Amino acid sequence: MNEICILSAPRSGTSHMCLLWRSFRDHASFGEILHQKMAYGCDQYLADLNAAFGISAAGIADSALTKAMRNDPVLSIETLKAACGRAGQGGISYKIFPQHLEQSRLQAVLNRDGLVVVFVKRLLIDSYISSRKAQALNTWSKTDTTGHQVSLNFAEFEKWADSRRWWFRKAENFLTEAGRPFRTLYYEADISCDPAQHLAVARDVLGDMGLDIPLSETAPESDHKKQDTSQNYHSKVSNWSAFCHEARSRGKVERLWSYA
């Protein structure tokens, strides 16, 4: 069975991407199966997970389940693969974010034969602004945040960006040292585009790693839309000029336009 692990971070377009991946034929596209609060997308496999862990979780938001899955992510994934296989699926995909697993458990997931790893990255400044807006308004999807401004502090942004960069580099270095290949998709070029174009790019990337996943006959669909449609940073950030000035004074303007 094909297994694709998507390594990314919040506000990078992966929810939209995972919905589009449901267009892959005989493929189960999960979300954040190892989230602290909910095993996203695992509803119909609750009985299988309960049996695997010897628990009686009432639902996918039951802390008994989320704790068990995060304590043993490999068993979680293998259980889902087996259940999906019995249901006639030929592969699964899921995403892991920095806050989901400690390093030893993440590396246990990554260091397995047959696993295909795809990183998804977005410009750090755009991801940061999007996160700040979502936190300020307490809305993470399906709400228009265009017009809402946030105030940014460069030192706080730099600390946040360093944390993101460390996590991505740690995973990339581990995979490289273990001799395990990976590929990277970028939000701006590969996800924030026409759905059919994204699927074509994704299939090319996966094909380059040995996976030939056909598309179903139904058109790709996703109900995820951009929450902020503005292209002007001044309309997003109330102190954008001062924020950029601080970056220049520290000699770190390039950090605004970098990836993790």
C-alpha atoms as a PDB file:
ATOM      1  CA  MET A   1       0.000   0.000   0.000  1.00  0.00           C
ATOM      2  CA  ASN A   2       1.230   3.504  -0.843  1.00  0.00           C
ATOM      3  CA  GLU A   3       1.926   5.780   2.118  1.00  0.00           C
ATOM      4  CA  ILE A   4       2.580   9.503   1.795  1.00  0.00           C
ATOM      5  CA  CYS A   5       3.618  11.602   4.780  1.00  0.00           C
ATOM      6  CA  ILE A   6       3.124  15.342   4.311  1.00  0.00           C
ATOM      7  CA  LEU A   7       5.433  17.379   6.537  1.00  0.00           C
ATOM      8  CA  SER A   8       4.269  20.951   6.847  1.00  0.00           C
ATOM      9  CA  ALA A   9       3.012  23.590   9.269  1.00  0.00           C
ATOM     10  CA  PRO A  10      -0.253  25.459   9.865  1.00  0.00           C
ATOM     11  CA  ARG A  11      -1.329  28.106   7.352  1.00  0.00           C
ATOM     12  CA  SER A  12       0.488  26.493   4.436  1.00  0.00           C
ATOM     13  CA  GLY A  13      -2.466  25.389   2.307  1.00  0.00           C
ATOM     14  CA  THR A  14      -2.391  21.724   3.243  1.00  0.00           C
ATOM     15  CA  SER A  15      -6.082  21.483   4.188  1.00  0.00           C
ATOM     16  CA  HIS A  16      -6.980  22.577   0.669  1.00  0.00           C
ATOM     17  CA  MET A  17      -4.381  20.215  -0.763  1.00  0.00           C
ATOM     18  CA  CYS A  18      -5.592  17.208   1.223  1.00  0.00           C
ATOM     19  CA  LEU A  19      -9.152  17.794   0.037  1.00  0.00           C
ATOM     20  CA  LEU A  20      -7.934  17.864  -3.558  1.00  0.00           C
ATOM     21  CA  TRP A  21      -6.020  14.645  -3.002  1.00  0.00           C
ATOM     22  CA  ARG A  22      -9.341  12.907  -2.478  1.00  0.00           C
ATOM     23  CA  SER A  23      -9.451  13.008  -6.273  1.00  0.00           C
ATOM     24  CA  PHE A  24      -6.741  10.336  -6.322  1.00  0.00           C
ATOM     25  CA  ARG A  25      -8.343   7.013  -7.188  1.00  0.00           C
ATOM     26  CA  ASP A  26      -8.524   4.451  -4.366  1.00  0.00           C
ATOM     27  CA  HIS A  27      -6.655   6.789  -2.049  1.00  0.00           C
ATOM     28  CA  ALA A  28      -7.542   7.807   1.519  1.00  0.00           C
ATOM     29  CA  SER A  29      -6.478  11.409   2.103  1.00  0.00           C
ATOM     30  CA  PHE A  30      -6.368  12.125   5.832  1.00  0.00           C
ATOM     31  CA  GLY A  31      -5.595  15.359   7.633  1.00  0.00           C
ATOM     32  CA  GLU A  32      -3.879  15.869  10.981  1.00  0.00           C
ATOM     33  CA  ILE A  33      -4.300  12.358  12.328  1.00  0.00           C
ATOM     34  CA  LEU A  34      -1.869  13.101  15.187  1.00  0.00           C
ATOM     35  CA  HIS A  35      -3.344  16.419  16.321  1.00  0.00           C
ATOM     36  CA  GLN A  36      -3.476  16.942  20.074  1.00  0.00           C
ATOM     37  CA  LYS A  37      -7.237  17.546  20.118  1.00  0.00           C
ATOM     38  CA  MET A  38      -8.620  15.335  17.359  1.00  0.00           C
ATOM     39  CA  ALA A  39      -7.606  12.520  15.025  1.00  0.00           C
ATOM     40  CA  TYR A  40      -8.815  14.345  11.933  1.00  0.00           C
ATOM     41  CA  GLY A  41     -10.403  12.166   9.265  1.00  0.00           C
ATOM     42  CA  CYS A  42     -10.325   8.963  11.305  1.00  0.00           C
ATOM     43  CA  ASP A  43     -14.050   8.757  12.099  1.00  0.00           C
ATOM     44  CA  GLN A  44     -14.827   5.592  10.184  1.00  0.00           C
ATOM     45  CA  TYR A  45     -11.732   3.854  11.528  1.00  0.00           C
ATOM     46  CA  LEU A  46     -12.434   4.472  15.217  1.00  0.00           C
ATOM     47  CA  ALA A  47     -13.228   0.807  15.899  1.00  0.00           C
ATOM     48  CA  ASP A  48      -9.966  -0.292  14.272  1.00  0.00           C
ATOM     49  CA  LEU A  49      -7.945   2.204  16.309  1.00  0.00           C
ATOM     50  CA  ASN A  50      -9.709   1.261  19.545  1.00  0.00           C
ATOM     51  CA  ALA A  51      -8.930  -2.393  18.898  1.00  0.00           C
ATOM     52  CA  ALA A  52      -5.288  -1.673  18.076  1.00  0.00           C
ATOM     53  CA  PHE A  53      -4.720   0.312  21.264  1.00  0.00           C
ATOM     54  CA  GLY A  54      -7.025  -1.669  23.541  1.00  0.00           C
ATOM     55  CA  ILE A  55      -9.084   1.392  24.436  1.00  0.00           C
ATOM     56  CA  SER A  56     -12.732   2.440  24.185  1.00  0.00           C
ATOM     57  CA  ALA A  57     -12.550   5.981  22.840  1.00  0.00           C
ATOM     58  CA  ALA A  58     -15.997   7.446  22.235  1.00  0.00           C
ATOM     59  CA  GLY A  59     -14.912   9.498  19.243  1.00  0.00           C
ATOM     60  CA  ILE A  60     -11.973  10.960  17.384  1.00  0.00           C
ATOM     61  CA  ALA A  61     -11.784  13.875  19.846  1.00  0.00           C
ATOM     62  CA  ASP A  62     -11.516  11.551  22.849  1.00  0.00           C
ATOM     63  CA  SER A  63      -8.240  12.264  24.646  1.00  0.00           C
ATOM     64  CA  ALA A  64      -7.722   8.532  25.184  1.00  0.00           C
ATOM     65  CA  LEU A  65      -7.463   8.131  21.423  1.00  0.00           C
ATOM     66  CA  THR A  66      -5.412  11.225  20.617  1.00  0.00           C
ATOM     67  CA  LYS A  67      -2.931  10.429  23.390  1.00  0.00           C
ATOM     68  CA  ALA A  68      -2.581   6.800  22.303  1.00  0.00           C
ATOM     69  CA  MET A  69      -2.062   7.744  18.660  1.00  0.00           C
ATOM     70  CA  ARG A  70       0.585  10.338  19.452  1.00  0.00           C
ATOM     71  CA  ASN A  71       2.369   7.998  21.858  1.00  0.00           C
ATOM     72  CA  ASP A  72       2.658   5.354  19.140  1.00  0.00           C
ATOM     73  CA  PRO A  73       2.306   7.055  15.755  1.00  0.00           C
ATOM     74  CA  VAL A  74       3.701   4.090  13.832  1.00  0.00           C
ATOM     75  CA  LEU A  75       0.992   1.778  15.192  1.00  0.00           C
ATOM     76  CA  SER A  76      -1.589   4.482  14.419  1.00  0.00           C
ATOM     77  CA  ILE A  77      -0.477   4.722  10.806  1.00  0.00           C
ATOM     78  CA  GLU A  78      -0.130   0.980  10.282  1.00  0.00           C
ATOM     79  CA  THR A  79      -3.622   0.467  11.722  1.00  0.00           C
ATOM     80  CA  LEU A  80      -5.088   3.015   9.315  1.00  0.00           C
ATOM     81  CA  LYS A  81      -3.219   1.463   6.394  1.00  0.00           C
ATOM     82  CA  ALA A  82      -4.553  -1.996   7.217  1.00  0.00           C
ATOM     83  CA  ALA A  83      -8.109  -0.726   7.650  1.00  0.00           C
ATOM     84  CA  CYS A  84      -7.967   1.257   4.412  1.00  0.00           C
ATOM     85  CA  GLY A  85      -6.589  -1.780   2.621  1.00  0.00           C
ATOM     86  CA  ARG A  86      -9.522  -3.869   3.805  1.00  0.00           C
ATOM     87  CA  ALA A  87     -11.815  -1.135   2.490  1.00  0.00           C
ATOM     88  CA  GLY A  88     -10.248  -1.416  -0.964  1.00  0.00           C
ATOM     89  CA  GLN A  89      -7.972   1.612  -0.834  1.00  0.00           C
ATOM     90  CA  GLY A  90      -4.565   1.446  -2.467  1.00  0.00           C
ATOM     91  CA  GLY A  91      -2.858   4.130  -0.416  1.00  0.00           C
ATOM     92  CA  ILE A  92      -3.114   6.761   2.282  1.00  0.00           C
ATOM     93  CA  SER A  93      -1.707  10.211   2.963  1.00  0.00           C
ATOM     94  CA  TYR A  94      -1.638  12.258   6.148  1.00  0.00           C
ATOM     95  CA  LYS A  95       0.093  15.351   7.438  1.00  0.00           C
ATOM     96  CA  ILE A  96       2.341  15.988  10.409  1.00  0.00           C
ATOM     97  CA  PHE A  97       2.989  19.469  11.837  1.00  0.00           C
ATOM     98  CA  PRO A  98       5.743  20.620  14.236  1.00  0.00           C
ATOM     99  CA  GLN A  99       3.527  20.482  17.326  1.00  0.00           C
ATOM    100  CA  HIS A 100       2.263  16.941  16.736  1.00  0.00           C
ATOM    101  CA  LEU A 101       5.202  14.748  17.720  1.00  0.00           C
ATOM    102  CA  GLU A 102       8.462  14.913  19.619  1.00  0.00           C
ATOM    103  CA  GLN A 103      11.532  14.264  17.479  1.00  0.00           C
ATOM    104  CA  SER A 104      12.112  10.617  18.410  1.00  0.00           C
ATOM    105  CA  ARG A 105       8.567   9.654  17.464  1.00  0.00           C
ATOM    106  CA  LEU A 106       8.641  11.701  14.275  1.00  0.00           C
ATOM    107  CA  GLN A 107      11.872  10.015  13.248  1.00  0.00           C
ATOM    108  CA  ALA A 108      10.349   6.596  13.962  1.00  0.00           C
ATOM    109  CA  VAL A 109       7.602   7.460  11.471  1.00  0.00           C
ATOM    110  CA  LEU A 110      10.038   8.734   8.855  1.00  0.00           C
ATOM    111  CA  ASN A 111      12.554   5.918   9.117  1.00  0.00           C
ATOM    112  CA  ARG A 112      10.361   3.237   7.507  1.00  0.00           C
ATOM    113  CA  ASP A 113      10.697   1.516   4.163  1.00  0.00           C
ATOM    114  CA  GLY A 114       8.149   2.365   1.506  1.00  0.00           C
ATOM    115  CA  LEU A 115       7.280   5.774   2.924  1.00  0.00           C
ATOM    116  CA  VAL A 116       7.093   8.741   0.547  1.00  0.00           C
ATOM    117  CA  VAL A 117       7.743  12.114   2.207  1.00  0.00           C
ATOM    118  CA  VAL A 118       6.563  15.420   0.765  1.00  0.00           C
ATOM    119  CA  PHE A 119       7.306  18.743   2.428  1.00  0.00           C
ATOM    120  CA  VAL A 120       4.906  21.632   1.887  1.00  0.00           C
ATOM    121  CA  LYS A 121       6.313  25.118   2.461  1.00  0.00           C
ATOM    122  CA  ARG A 122       4.994  28.658   2.291  1.00  0.00           C
ATOM    123  CA  LEU A 123       6.833  31.969   2.572  1.00  0.00           C
ATOM    124  CA  LEU A 124       7.385  32.416   6.293  1.00  0.00           C
ATOM    125  CA  ILE A 125       6.088  35.979   6.426  1.00  0.00           C
ATOM    126  CA  ASP A 126       2.829  35.039   4.703  1.00  0.00           C
ATOM    127  CA  SER A 127       2.349  32.036   6.950  1.00  0.00           C
ATOM    128  CA  TYR A 128       3.055  34.182   9.999  1.00  0.00           C
ATOM    129  CA  ILE A 129       0.616  36.927   9.027  1.00  0.00           C
ATOM    130  CA  SER A 130      -2.042  34.332   8.268  1.00  0.00           C
ATOM    131  CA  SER A 131      -1.487  32.689  11.658  1.00  0.00           C
ATOM    132  CA  ARG A 132      -1.654  35.998  13.501  1.00  0.00           C
ATOM    133  CA  LYS A 133      -4.905  36.909  11.764  1.00  0.00           C
ATOM    134  CA  ALA A 134      -6.459  33.531  12.508  1.00  0.00           C
ATOM    135  CA  GLN A 135      -5.450  33.757  16.166  1.00  0.00           C
ATOM    136  CA  ALA A 136      -6.736  37.311  16.520  1.00  0.00           C
ATOM    137  CA  LEU A 137     -10.123  36.450  15.015  1.00  0.00           C
ATOM    138  CA  ASN A 138     -10.238  32.864  16.314  1.00  0.00           C
ATOM    139  CA  THR A 139     -11.165  31.575  12.887  1.00  0.00           C
ATOM    140  CA  TRP A 140      -9.098  29.060  10.940  1.00  0.00           C
ATOM    141  CA  SER A 141     -11.107  28.447   7.782  1.00  0.00           C
ATOM    142  CA  LYS A 142     -14.096  29.509   5.699  1.00  0.00           C
ATOM    143  CA  THR A 143     -14.158  33.067   7.086  1.00  0.00           C
ATOM    144  CA  ASP A 144     -13.074  36.127   5.125  1.00  0.00           C
ATOM    145  CA  THR A 145     -10.334  37.933   7.047  1.00  0.00           C
ATOM    146  CA  THR A 146      -9.575  40.456   4.297  1.00  0.00           C
ATOM    147  CA  GLY A 147      -9.381  43.934   5.773  1.00  0.00           C
ATOM    148  CA  HIS A 148      -8.394  42.849   9.265  1.00  0.00           C
ATOM    149  CA  GLN A 149      -4.963  44.160  10.227  1.00  0.00           C
ATOM    150  CA  VAL A 150      -2.448  42.831  12.718  1.00  0.00           C
ATOM    151  CA  SER A 151       0.559  44.535  14.274  1.00  0.00           C
ATOM    152  CA  LEU A 152       3.849  42.665  14.010  1.00  0.00           C
ATOM    153  CA  ASN A 153       7.001  42.651  16.107  1.00  0.00           C
ATOM    154  CA  PHE A 154      10.125  41.649  14.185  1.00  0.00           C
ATOM    155  CA  ALA A 155      11.825  39.958  17.148  1.00  0.00           C
ATOM    156  CA  GLU A 156       8.742  37.817  17.723  1.00  0.00           C
ATOM    157  CA  PHE A 157       8.544  36.953  14.036  1.00  0.00           C
ATOM    158  CA  GLU A 158      12.221  36.007  13.956  1.00  0.00           C
ATOM    159  CA  LYS A 159      11.839  33.718  16.970  1.00  0.00           C
ATOM    160  CA  TRP A 160       8.802  32.071  15.393  1.00  0.00           C
ATOM    161  CA  ALA A 161      10.576  31.698  12.035  1.00  0.00           C
ATOM    162  CA  ASP A 162      13.658  30.186  13.686  1.00  0.00           C
ATOM    163  CA  SER A 163      11.470  27.563  15.342  1.00  0.00           C
ATOM    164  CA  ARG A 164       9.822  26.657  12.042  1.00  0.00           C
ATOM    165  CA  ARG A 165      13.139  26.571  10.232  1.00  0.00           C
ATOM    166  CA  TRP A 166      14.700  24.340  12.898  1.00  0.00           C
ATOM    167  CA  TRP A 167      11.892  21.776  12.638  1.00  0.00           C
ATOM    168  CA  PHE A 168      12.022  21.560   8.856  1.00  0.00           C
ATOM    169  CA  ARG A 169      15.827  21.378   8.761  1.00  0.00           C
ATOM    170  CA  LYS A 170      15.832  18.703  11.462  1.00  0.00           C
ATOM    171  CA  ALA A 171      13.489  16.513   9.421  1.00  0.00           C
ATOM    172  CA  GLU A 172      15.316  17.170   6.146  1.00  0.00           C
ATOM    173  CA  ASN A 173      18.696  16.385   7.686  1.00  0.00           C
ATOM    174  CA  PHE A 174      17.383  13.192   9.267  1.00  0.00           C
ATOM    175  CA  LEU A 175      15.964  11.965   5.970  1.00  0.00           C
ATOM    176  CA  THR A 176      19.142  12.866   4.096  1.00  0.00           C
ATOM    177  CA  GLU A 177      21.384  11.098   6.597  1.00  0.00           C
ATOM    178  CA  ALA A 178      19.094   8.056   6.544  1.00  0.00           C
ATOM    179  CA  GLY A 179      19.296   7.964   2.750  1.00  0.00           C
ATOM    180  CA  ARG A 180      15.569   8.488   2.371  1.00  0.00           C
ATOM    181  CA  PRO A 181      14.441  10.754  -0.485  1.00  0.00           C
ATOM    182  CA  PHE A 182      11.889  13.522  -0.204  1.00  0.00           C
ATOM    183  CA  ARG A 183      10.390  16.243  -2.348  1.00  0.00           C
ATOM    184  CA  THR A 184       9.017  19.722  -1.644  1.00  0.00           C
ATOM    185  CA  LEU A 185       5.878  21.483  -2.841  1.00  0.00           C
ATOM    186  CA  TYR A 186       5.531  25.247  -2.466  1.00  0.00           C
ATOM    187  CA  TYR A 187       2.273  26.974  -1.619  1.00  0.00           C
ATOM    188  CA  GLU A 188       2.779  29.853  -4.019  1.00  0.00           C
ATOM    189  CA  ALA A 189       3.610  27.799  -7.119  1.00  0.00           C
ATOM    190  CA  ASP A 190       2.103  24.390  -6.478  1.00  0.00           C
ATOM    191  CA  ILE A 191      -0.955  24.757  -4.217  1.00  0.00           C
ATOM    192  CA  SER A 192      -2.368  28.252  -4.645  1.00  0.00           C
ATOM    193  CA  CYS A 193      -3.294  27.503  -8.223  1.00  0.00           C
ATOM    194  CA  ASP A 194      -6.000  25.848 -10.285  1.00  0.00           C
ATOM    195  CA  PRO A 195      -6.982  22.485  -8.678  1.00  0.00           C
ATOM    196  CA  ALA A 196      -6.289  20.544 -11.859  1.00  0.00           C
ATOM    197  CA  GLN A 197      -2.860  22.177 -12.118  1.00  0.00           C
ATOM    198  CA  HIS A 198      -2.054  21.282  -8.525  1.00  0.00           C
ATOM    199  CA  LEU A 199      -3.038  17.654  -9.034  1.00  0.00           C
ATOM    200  CA  ALA A 200      -0.896  17.458 -12.165  1.00  0.00           C
ATOM    201  CA  VAL A 201       2.102  18.828 -10.266  1.00  0.00           C
ATOM    202  CA  ALA A 202       1.461  16.532  -7.299  1.00  0.00           C
ATOM    203  CA  ARG A 203       1.200  13.478  -9.545  1.00  0.00           C
ATOM    204  CA  ASP A 204       4.478  14.427 -11.245  1.00  0.00           C
ATOM    205  CA  VAL A 205       6.226  14.797  -7.877  1.00  0.00           C
ATOM    206  CA  LEU A 206       4.820  11.529  -6.567  1.00  0.00           C
ATOM    207  CA  GLY A 207       5.618   9.811  -9.851  1.00  0.00           C
ATOM    208  CA  ASP A 208       9.202  10.980  -9.524  1.00  0.00           C
ATOM    209  CA  MET A 209       9.279   9.056  -6.249  1.00  0.00           C
ATOM    210  CA  GLY A 210       7.833   5.898  -7.740  1.00  0.00           C
ATOM    211  CA  LEU A 211       4.121   6.374  -7.112  1.00  0.00           C
ATOM    212  CA  ASP A 212       1.775   6.333 -10.095  1.00  0.00           C
ATOM    213  CA  ILE A 213      -1.554   7.376  -8.598  1.00  0.00           C
ATOM    214  CA  PRO A 214      -4.394   7.779 -11.120  1.00  0.00           C
ATOM    215  CA  LEU A 215      -7.141  10.344 -10.748  1.00  0.00           C
ATOM    216  CA  SER A 216     -10.781   9.470 -10.260  1.00  0.00           C
ATOM    217  CA  GLU A 217     -13.291  10.515 -12.894  1.00  0.00           C
ATOM    218  CA  THR A 218     -14.853  13.169 -10.654  1.00  0.00           C
ATOM    219  CA  ALA A 219     -13.601  16.737 -10.843  1.00  0.00           C
ATOM    220  CA  PRO A 220     -11.371  17.853  -7.951  1.00  0.00           C
ATOM    221  CA  GLU A 221     -13.219  19.820  -5.293  1.00  0.00           C
ATOM    222  CA  SER A 222     -12.279  21.766  -2.195  1.00  0.00           C
ATOM    223  CA  ASP A 223     -14.425  24.091  -0.111  1.00  0.00           C
ATOM    224  CA  HIS A 224     -11.341  25.814   1.281  1.00  0.00           C
ATOM    225  CA  LYS A 225     -10.914  29.350  -0.024  1.00  0.00           C
ATOM    226  CA  LYS A 226      -8.309  31.964   0.763  1.00  0.00           C
ATOM    227  CA  GLN A 227      -9.359  33.731   3.942  1.00  0.00           C
ATOM    228  CA  ASP A 228      -7.372  36.840   3.032  1.00  0.00           C
ATOM    229  CA  THR A 229      -7.561  37.856  -0.610  1.00  0.00           C
ATOM    230  CA  SER A 230      -5.500  41.037  -0.277  1.00  0.00           C
ATOM    231  CA  GLN A 231      -2.121  41.154  -2.018  1.00  0.00           C
ATOM    232  CA  ASN A 232      -1.026  44.337  -0.221  1.00  0.00           C
ATOM    233  CA  TYR A 233       1.015  43.889   2.945  1.00  0.00           C
ATOM    234  CA  HIS A 234       0.061  47.374   4.142  1.00  0.00           C
ATOM    235  CA  SER A 235      -3.581  46.275   4.211  1.00  0.00           C
ATOM    236  CA  LYS A 236      -2.675  43.169   6.215  1.00  0.00           C
ATOM    237  CA  VAL A 237      -0.212  44.663   8.713  1.00  0.00           C
ATOM    238  CA  SER A 238      -0.903  47.979  10.436  1.00  0.00           C
ATOM    239  CA  ASN A 239       2.794  48.699  11.064  1.00  0.00           C
ATOM    240  CA  TRP A 240       4.233  47.146   7.899  1.00  0.00           C
ATOM    241  CA  SER A 241       6.617  50.036   7.152  1.00  0.00           C
ATOM    242  CA  ALA A 242       8.028  50.036  10.688  1.00  0.00           C
ATOM    243  CA  PHE A 243       8.279  46.240  10.639  1.00  0.00           C
ATOM    244  CA  CYS A 244      10.305  46.316   7.412  1.00  0.00           C
ATOM    245  CA  HIS A 245      12.467  49.145   8.766  1.00  0.00           C
ATOM    246  CA  GLU A 246      13.321  47.002  11.790  1.00  0.00           C
ATOM    247  CA  ALA A 247      14.253  44.108   9.498  1.00  0.00           C
ATOM    248  CA  ARG A 248      16.528  46.407   7.463  1.00  0.00           C
ATOM    249  CA  SER A 249      18.167  47.876  10.562  1.00  0.00           C
ATOM    250  CA  ARG A 250      19.065  44.347  11.669  1.00  0.00           C
ATOM    251  CA  GLY A 251      20.326  43.425   8.206  1.00  0.00           C
ATOM    252  CA  LYS A 252      17.726  40.687   7.914  1.00  0.00           C
ATOM    253  CA  VAL A 253      15.365  41.793   5.159  1.00  0.00           C
ATOM    254  CA  GLU A 254      15.961  38.529   3.315  1.00  0.00           C
ATOM    255  CA  ARG A 255      14.359  36.655   6.190  1.00  0.00           C
ATOM    256  CA  LEU A 256      11.016  38.187   5.289  1.00  0.00           C
ATOM    257  CA  TRP A 257      11.061  36.428   1.934  1.00  0.00           C
ATOM    258  CA  SER A 258      12.478  33.058   2.907  1.00  0.00           C
ATOM    259  CA  TYR A 259      11.094  29.578   3.419  1.00  0.00           C
ATOM    260  CA  ALA A 260      11.694  27.306   6.374  1.00  0.00           C
END
